[in-house]
Amino acid sequence: MKDHQISEKTIVQLRKIAEPFISAGIICKEELDILLKSAKTNQEPTPKPPALISRAKGALILGISTRSLDRILKDGFLSRVQVGKRSIRLDQREIEKYVAENTGCNLIPVTGEAK
């Protein structure tokens, strides 16, 4: 079976269609570029490693206390990554997915520092 590749003309049109979504922050331009590049070469995109963040930063993103975040973790709605004997981290993309699924909203990146 012959491999099919997407033409450059199609890629240009897809970028034009996606531009309003990129401007609105719905689609990440870098991720779209990776996807289109892999589609052009007929390869699977390599997944990004998880963006690990602290509990405090996770709670800040969710707008809740770390204690409330601990309950969410305990109830199994989010998973944790064990780093060392006592330290855990959370996958930021999993938190963003959790918010989108439970509120119907996409998150705006948080620039504040967690304590």
Protein backbone atom coordinates (compact mmCIF):
# COMPACT_ATOMS: atom_id res chain seq x y z
CA MET A 1 0.00 0.00 0.00
CA LYS A 2 1.35 3.42 -0.95
CA ASP A 3 1.93 5.99 1.82
CA HIS A 4 -0.04 9.18 1.41
CA GLN A 5 1.41 12.57 2.23
CA ILE A 6 -0.31 15.90 2.62
CA SER A 7 0.60 18.45 -0.03
CA GLU A 8 2.14 21.82 0.81
CA LYS A 9 -0.98 23.52 -0.60
CA THR A 10 -3.20 21.64 1.86
CA ILE A 11 -0.91 22.51 4.77
CA VAL A 12 -1.06 26.22 3.84
CA GLN A 13 -4.87 26.07 3.74
CA LEU A 14 -5.03 24.29 7.11
CA ARG A 15 -2.85 27.01 8.66
CA LYS A 16 -5.22 29.69 7.28
CA ILE A 17 -8.24 27.87 8.69
CA ALA A 18 -6.56 27.46 12.09
CA GLU A 19 -5.38 31.10 12.38
CA PRO A 20 -8.50 32.42 14.23
CA PHE A 21 -8.25 29.51 16.68
CA ILE A 22 -4.56 30.22 17.27
CA SER A 23 -5.29 33.92 17.85
CA ALA A 24 -8.01 33.02 20.34
CA GLY A 25 -5.64 30.69 22.20
CA ILE A 26 -7.74 27.61 21.46
CA ILE A 27 -5.02 25.96 19.38
CA CYS A 28 -1.32 26.13 20.24
CA LYS A 29 0.67 27.23 17.16
CA GLU A 30 3.71 25.12 18.07
CA GLU A 31 1.62 21.98 18.46
CA LEU A 32 -0.13 22.64 15.13
CA ASP A 33 3.27 23.05 13.44
CA ILE A 34 4.45 19.72 14.89
CA LEU A 35 1.26 17.99 13.78
CA LEU A 36 1.37 19.41 10.26
CA LYS A 37 5.06 18.61 9.89
CA SER A 38 4.48 15.01 10.96
CA ALA A 39 1.46 14.74 8.63
CA LYS A 40 3.55 16.04 5.75
CA THR A 41 6.25 13.41 6.33
CA ASN A 42 3.64 10.75 7.22
CA GLN A 43 5.09 10.14 10.70
CA GLU A 44 3.55 9.95 14.13
CA PRO A 45 4.38 13.04 16.22
CA THR A 46 6.57 12.27 19.20
CA PRO A 47 4.66 12.93 22.42
CA LYS A 48 5.94 15.67 24.69
CA PRO A 49 7.11 14.61 28.13
CA PRO A 50 4.75 15.66 30.92
CA ALA A 51 5.13 19.20 32.23
CA LEU A 52 5.59 18.41 35.91
CA ILE A 53 4.55 21.04 38.43
CA SER A 54 4.36 21.22 42.21
CA ARG A 55 1.19 20.74 44.26
CA ALA A 56 1.22 24.45 45.09
CA LYS A 57 1.34 25.42 41.41
CA GLY A 58 -1.39 22.86 40.62
CA ALA A 59 -3.60 24.33 43.33
CA LEU A 60 -2.90 27.84 42.00
CA ILE A 61 -3.94 26.81 38.48
CA LEU A 62 -7.15 25.26 39.80
CA GLY A 63 -7.83 28.17 42.14
CA ILE A 64 -8.12 25.88 45.17
CA SER A 65 -6.12 25.10 48.29
CA THR A 66 -3.48 22.38 48.36
CA ARG A 67 -5.71 20.50 50.80
CA SER A 68 -8.56 20.49 48.26
CA LEU A 69 -6.09 19.36 45.60
CA ASP A 70 -5.02 16.52 47.89
CA ARG A 71 -8.67 15.38 48.06
CA ILE A 72 -8.91 15.43 44.25
CA LEU A 73 -5.73 13.33 44.08
CA LYS A 74 -7.01 10.94 46.75
CA ASP A 75 -10.31 10.49 44.92
CA GLY A 76 -8.39 9.55 41.76
CA PHE A 77 -9.47 12.43 39.51
CA LEU A 78 -5.84 13.40 38.95
CA SER A 79 -2.69 11.33 39.14
CA ARG A 80 0.59 12.15 40.81
CA VAL A 81 4.18 11.45 39.86
CA GLN A 82 6.44 10.37 42.69
CA VAL A 83 9.74 12.27 42.62
CA GLY A 84 12.05 11.00 45.33
CA LYS A 85 10.86 9.58 48.64
CA ARG A 86 8.55 12.39 49.75
CA SER A 87 8.04 14.72 46.83
CA ILE A 88 5.29 14.50 44.21
CA ARG A 89 4.60 16.41 41.03
CA LEU A 90 1.52 16.79 38.85
CA ASP A 91 1.20 16.80 35.08
CA GLN A 92 0.05 20.30 34.10
CA ARG A 93 -1.65 19.05 30.92
CA GLU A 94 -3.67 16.57 32.99
CA ILE A 95 -4.85 19.45 35.20
CA GLU A 96 -5.82 21.49 32.13
CA LYS A 97 -7.72 18.48 30.74
CA TYR A 98 -9.47 18.02 34.12
CA VAL A 99 -10.62 21.64 34.09
CA ALA A 100 -11.81 21.45 30.47
CA GLU A 101 -13.79 18.26 31.15
CA ASN A 102 -15.37 19.55 34.35
CA THR A 103 -16.11 23.14 33.39
CA GLY A 104 -16.14 23.29 29.59
CA CYS A 105 -13.49 26.03 29.78
CA ASN A 106 -9.93 26.14 28.51
CA LEU A 107 -7.33 27.46 30.92
CA ILE A 108 -5.35 30.62 30.41
CA PRO A 109 -1.69 30.01 31.34
CA VAL A 110 -0.86 31.11 34.89
CA THR A 111 2.20 33.31 35.22
CA GLY A 112 2.06 33.75 39.00
CA GLU A 113 4.58 32.04 41.23
CA ALA A 114 3.44 29.41 43.70
CA LYS A 115 4.90 29.56 47.18
